Amino acid sequence: MKIDIVTLFPEMFDGPLGHSIVKRAIEKDIVDVNTVNFRQFGKGKHQQVDDTPYGGGAGMLLKPEPLFDAMDTINEQAPETNKRVILMDPAGKPFDQAMAEDFSEEEHLIFLCGHYEGYDERIRSLVTDEVSLGDYVLTGGELAAMVMVDATVRLLPDVLGNAVSAQTDSHSSGLLEHPHYTRPAEYKGMKVPDVLMNGNHGLIETWRHEQSLKRTFLRRPDMLENYNLTETDQALIAKWKRDAEELKD
């Protein structure tokens, strides 16, 4: 996979992309990550990339020319790749695990990181996706792009040491992930559940599923609306609801 990040602050990506899983993916040539400073395409003596909005109003808008020129350069350098161009925008579709999985199937991702008050509307003609990290506004799109790159790259084949890890992540399975334990078996009076140490993998998987289901029911019940519940799942949820009602009484 190839990833280009179009930004005014490429140095922000040196740390996050130079460590841990993303770094190893780059070193193994699984992914090629490149930053493009679109300031170099700014106009005039000061390489201006922003200007005041027509019609008045607060703030500055990114001008279209620098981003169009940056995209032209990327297309010239990689003319044969199929590109997904992602605009960082607080008004965009919320980023989630399903979107990360979708992105991980692509050949070439391009993240456009805005700054200032917003974009000249014509910039949107360059993009395939407008994506938000959440219902809040950041000073720029760089932090959002870092999160999306990390969430996407870890799903690529051979990036994680254990391929099953990504499949069982919270949100990938449709449920939140079950609790995990490691040594020691007891710490400050808190014990590892016996089922995890009995060697019966069938019972362990049943326990893990029930714990995932319960955690999702308690913390993110909205996720269950799109999850295919078995009869056993429905019976467990009904029991937990009864238990919750009894505690209220």
Protein backbone atom coordinates (compact mmCIF):
# COMPACT_ATOMS: atom_id res chain seq x y z
CA MET A 1 0.00 0.00 0.00
CA LYS A 2 1.06 3.56 -0.67
CA ILE A 3 -0.01 6.44 1.60
CA ASP A 4 0.48 10.13 0.88
CA ILE A 5 -0.33 12.72 3.55
CA VAL A 6 -0.81 16.25 2.20
CA THR A 7 -0.16 18.68 5.05
CA LEU A 8 1.35 22.02 6.07
CA PHE A 9 3.12 20.32 8.97
CA PRO A 10 4.91 17.17 7.75
CA GLU A 11 7.20 17.21 10.79
CA MET A 12 4.22 16.28 12.98
CA PHE A 13 4.26 12.80 11.43
CA ASP A 14 7.93 12.04 12.13
CA GLY A 15 7.28 10.75 15.64
CA PRO A 16 4.02 8.81 15.27
CA LEU A 17 5.05 7.13 12.02
CA GLY A 18 8.58 6.41 13.24
CA HIS A 19 7.63 4.05 16.04
CA SER A 20 5.89 0.79 16.84
CA ILE A 21 3.67 -1.05 14.36
CA VAL A 22 3.60 1.57 11.61
CA LYS A 23 7.39 1.82 11.67
CA ARG A 24 7.74 -1.96 11.33
CA ALA A 25 5.26 -1.99 8.45
CA ILE A 26 7.34 0.66 6.66
CA GLU A 27 10.60 -1.22 7.31
CA LYS A 28 9.06 -4.45 5.95
CA ASP A 29 7.93 -2.60 2.79
CA ILE A 30 4.31 -3.43 3.51
CA VAL A 31 3.41 0.24 3.30
CA ASP A 32 5.11 3.28 1.78
CA VAL A 33 4.21 6.47 3.68
CA ASN A 34 5.09 9.87 2.28
CA THR A 35 4.26 13.42 3.43
CA VAL A 36 3.74 16.27 0.97
CA ASN A 37 4.03 19.83 2.24
CA PHE A 38 1.59 21.77 0.09
CA ARG A 39 3.20 25.04 1.25
CA GLN A 40 5.68 24.46 -1.57
CA PHE A 41 2.83 25.02 -4.01
CA GLY A 42 1.77 28.29 -2.41
CA LYS A 43 1.68 31.41 -4.56
CA GLY A 44 3.79 34.55 -4.33
CA LYS A 45 6.81 35.56 -2.31
CA HIS A 46 5.39 34.12 0.91
CA GLN A 47 3.98 30.94 -0.67
CA GLN A 48 0.47 31.85 0.45
CA VAL A 49 -1.91 28.92 0.89
CA ASP A 50 -4.87 30.69 2.51
CA ASP A 51 -7.02 33.76 1.93
CA THR A 52 -10.10 35.55 3.27
CA PRO A 53 -13.51 34.17 2.24
CA TYR A 54 -15.62 35.81 -0.45
CA GLY A 55 -18.66 37.42 1.13
CA GLY A 56 -16.84 38.09 4.39
CA GLY A 57 -16.73 36.09 7.57
CA ALA A 58 -14.28 35.01 10.23
CA GLY A 59 -11.13 33.02 9.61
CA MET A 60 -9.11 32.08 6.58
CA LEU A 61 -9.77 29.44 3.92
CA LEU A 62 -7.30 27.16 2.19
CA LYS A 63 -6.90 28.24 -1.42
CA PRO A 64 -7.59 25.66 -4.14
CA GLU A 65 -4.38 26.05 -6.18
CA PRO A 66 -1.84 24.59 -3.69
CA LEU A 67 -3.88 21.45 -3.05
CA PHE A 68 -4.71 20.93 -6.73
CA ASP A 69 -0.99 21.31 -7.57
CA ALA A 70 -0.03 18.89 -4.79
CA MET A 71 -2.48 16.33 -6.15
CA ASP A 72 -1.11 16.82 -9.68
CA THR A 73 2.37 16.04 -8.38
CA ILE A 74 1.20 12.90 -6.57
CA ASN A 75 -0.64 11.72 -9.68
CA GLU A 76 2.46 12.31 -11.82
CA GLN A 77 4.61 10.30 -9.42
CA ALA A 78 2.13 7.41 -9.19
CA PRO A 79 0.01 7.56 -12.34
CA GLU A 80 -0.97 3.89 -12.37
CA THR A 81 -2.33 3.49 -8.84
CA ASN A 82 -6.01 3.52 -7.90
CA LYS A 83 -6.34 6.35 -5.42
CA ARG A 84 -8.69 6.97 -2.50
CA VAL A 85 -8.49 10.65 -1.57
CA ILE A 86 -9.65 11.35 1.98
CA LEU A 87 -10.41 14.86 3.17
CA MET A 88 -10.11 15.50 6.90
CA ASP A 89 -13.29 17.41 7.69
CA PRO A 90 -15.32 17.73 10.94
CA ALA A 91 -18.47 17.65 8.80
CA GLY A 92 -17.46 14.36 7.19
CA LYS A 93 -18.61 10.80 7.87
CA PRO A 94 -17.42 9.58 11.30
CA PHE A 95 -14.39 7.30 11.11
CA ASP A 96 -14.91 3.79 12.47
CA GLN A 97 -13.44 0.30 12.32
CA ALA A 98 -15.45 -0.65 9.24
CA MET A 99 -13.97 2.33 7.41
CA ALA A 100 -10.45 1.36 8.51
CA GLU A 101 -11.06 -2.14 7.13
CA ASP A 102 -12.33 -0.60 3.89
CA PHE A 103 -9.28 1.64 3.59
CA SER A 104 -6.94 -1.30 4.23
CA GLU A 105 -8.12 -2.91 0.99
CA GLU A 106 -7.02 0.07 -1.11
CA GLU A 107 -3.89 0.40 -3.22
CA HIS A 108 -3.16 4.08 -2.60
CA LEU A 109 -4.56 6.36 0.11
CA ILE A 110 -4.16 10.14 0.09
CA PHE A 111 -5.05 12.12 3.22
CA LEU A 112 -5.68 15.85 2.80
CA CYS A 113 -5.10 17.70 6.06
CA GLY A 114 -6.76 21.08 6.33
CA HIS A 115 -6.00 24.00 8.58
CA TYR A 116 -7.43 27.42 9.33
CA GLU A 117 -11.21 27.93 9.12
CA GLY A 118 -11.83 25.50 6.27
CA TYR A 119 -11.47 24.73 2.58
CA ASP A 120 -12.36 26.48 -0.61
CA GLU A 121 -15.34 24.39 -1.72
CA ARG A 122 -13.69 23.52 -5.04
CA ILE A 123 -11.11 21.40 -3.21
CA ARG A 124 -13.85 18.86 -2.54
CA SER A 125 -13.87 17.97 -6.24
CA LEU A 126 -10.52 16.23 -5.63
CA VAL A 127 -11.74 13.83 -2.98
CA THR A 128 -13.52 10.50 -2.77
CA ASP A 129 -14.24 10.59 0.98
CA GLU A 130 -14.85 13.30 3.57
CA VAL A 131 -14.10 11.88 7.00
CA SER A 132 -14.30 13.13 10.58
CA LEU A 133 -12.59 11.74 13.65
CA GLY A 134 -15.57 12.73 15.81
CA ASP A 135 -18.04 15.45 16.67
CA TYR A 136 -15.46 18.05 17.63
CA VAL A 137 -13.11 20.44 15.85
CA LEU A 138 -9.30 20.17 15.84
CA THR A 139 -6.87 22.91 14.83
CA GLY A 140 -5.87 20.85 11.82
CA GLY A 141 -6.37 17.50 10.14
CA GLU A 142 -2.99 16.06 11.07
CA LEU A 143 -4.00 14.33 14.30
CA ALA A 144 -7.03 12.79 12.62
CA ALA A 145 -4.88 11.54 9.74
CA MET A 146 -2.42 9.94 12.18
CA VAL A 147 -5.23 8.02 13.86
CA MET A 148 -6.67 6.85 10.55
CA VAL A 149 -3.27 5.78 9.19
CA ASP A 150 -2.52 3.81 12.36
CA ALA A 151 -5.93 2.12 12.41
CA THR A 152 -5.61 1.21 8.73
CA VAL A 153 -1.98 0.05 8.59
CA ARG A 154 -2.37 -2.38 11.50
CA LEU A 155 -4.99 -4.25 9.45
CA LEU A 156 -2.65 -4.92 6.53
CA PRO A 157 -1.48 -8.53 6.09
CA ASP A 158 1.67 -9.44 8.07
CA VAL A 159 1.74 -6.17 10.02
CA LEU A 160 0.60 -7.61 13.36
CA GLY A 161 2.55 -10.48 14.83
CA ASN A 162 -0.68 -12.46 15.22
CA ALA A 163 -3.16 -12.11 12.37
CA VAL A 164 -6.02 -13.12 14.63
CA SER A 165 -5.43 -10.03 16.80
CA ALA A 166 -7.04 -7.69 14.27
CA GLN A 167 -9.98 -10.02 13.72
CA THR A 168 -10.85 -10.10 17.42
CA ASP A 169 -10.37 -6.38 18.10
CA SER A 170 -13.21 -4.42 19.61
CA HIS A 171 -15.54 -3.30 16.80
CA SER A 172 -14.08 -5.73 14.22
CA SER A 173 -16.21 -8.61 15.50
CA GLY A 174 -19.26 -6.41 16.05
CA LEU A 175 -18.78 -6.59 19.82
CA LEU A 176 -16.42 -4.95 22.27
CA GLU A 177 -13.45 -7.12 23.16
CA HIS A 178 -13.61 -9.46 26.15
CA PRO A 179 -11.42 -8.99 29.27
CA HIS A 180 -7.82 -10.20 29.11
CA TYR A 181 -5.56 -11.56 31.87
CA THR A 182 -1.91 -12.55 32.19
CA ARG A 183 0.41 -13.66 35.01
CA PRO A 184 0.29 -13.60 38.00
CA ALA A 185 -2.84 -15.66 38.55
CA GLU A 186 -3.67 -13.57 41.62
CA TYR A 187 -2.71 -9.98 42.36
CA LYS A 188 -3.86 -7.92 45.34
CA GLY A 189 -6.75 -10.29 45.90
CA MET A 190 -7.88 -10.14 42.27
CA LYS A 191 -7.89 -13.58 40.63
CA VAL A 192 -7.83 -14.68 37.01
CA PRO A 193 -11.12 -16.48 36.19
CA ASP A 194 -10.71 -20.24 36.60
CA VAL A 195 -12.15 -20.93 33.14
CA LEU A 196 -9.10 -19.33 31.51
CA MET A 197 -6.73 -21.74 33.22
CA ASN A 198 -8.56 -25.06 32.81
CA GLY A 199 -7.26 -25.77 29.29
CA ASN A 200 -10.74 -26.34 27.84
CA HIS A 201 -10.66 -24.11 24.75
CA GLY A 202 -14.34 -24.63 24.01
CA LEU A 203 -15.33 -23.29 27.43
CA ILE A 204 -12.81 -20.47 27.11
CA GLU A 205 -14.28 -19.32 23.78
CA THR A 206 -17.80 -19.49 25.21
CA TRP A 207 -16.74 -17.40 28.22
CA ARG A 208 -14.98 -14.86 26.00
CA HIS A 209 -18.01 -14.47 23.77
CA GLU A 210 -20.32 -14.03 26.74
CA GLN A 211 -17.97 -11.45 28.27
CA SER A 212 -17.77 -9.56 24.96
CA LEU A 213 -21.54 -9.60 24.71
CA LYS A 214 -21.98 -8.42 28.31
CA ARG A 215 -19.41 -5.64 27.96
CA THR A 216 -21.12 -4.45 24.79
CA PHE A 217 -24.55 -4.64 26.44
CA LEU A 218 -23.36 -2.56 29.38
CA ARG A 219 -21.15 -0.03 27.57
CA ARG A 220 -22.34 0.18 23.97
CA PRO A 221 -25.84 -1.27 23.65
CA ASP A 222 -26.27 0.62 20.37
CA MET A 223 -23.83 -1.82 18.74
CA LEU A 224 -26.18 -4.72 19.39
CA GLU A 225 -28.73 -3.26 16.99
CA ASN A 226 -26.60 -4.45 14.06
CA TYR A 227 -25.28 -7.65 15.64
CA ASN A 228 -26.76 -11.04 14.72
CA LEU A 229 -27.78 -12.31 18.16
CA THR A 230 -28.26 -16.04 18.70
CA GLU A 231 -31.05 -17.36 20.89
CA THR A 232 -28.48 -17.93 23.63
CA ASP A 233 -27.29 -14.34 23.28
CA GLN A 234 -30.85 -13.06 23.56
CA ALA A 235 -31.45 -15.15 26.67
CA LEU A 236 -28.30 -13.79 28.31
CA ILE A 237 -29.26 -10.19 27.51
CA ALA A 238 -32.75 -10.76 28.89
CA LYS A 239 -31.20 -12.09 32.13
CA TRP A 240 -28.87 -9.08 32.43
CA LYS A 241 -31.81 -6.74 31.92
CA ARG A 242 -33.75 -8.51 34.68
CA ASP A 243 -30.73 -8.31 36.97
CA ALA A 244 -30.43 -4.58 36.28
CA GLU A 245 -34.11 -4.02 37.06
CA GLU A 246 -33.80 -5.96 40.33
CA LEU A 247 -30.92 -3.73 41.40
CA LYS A 248 -33.11 -0.66 40.86
CA ASP A 249 -35.89 -2.03 43.10
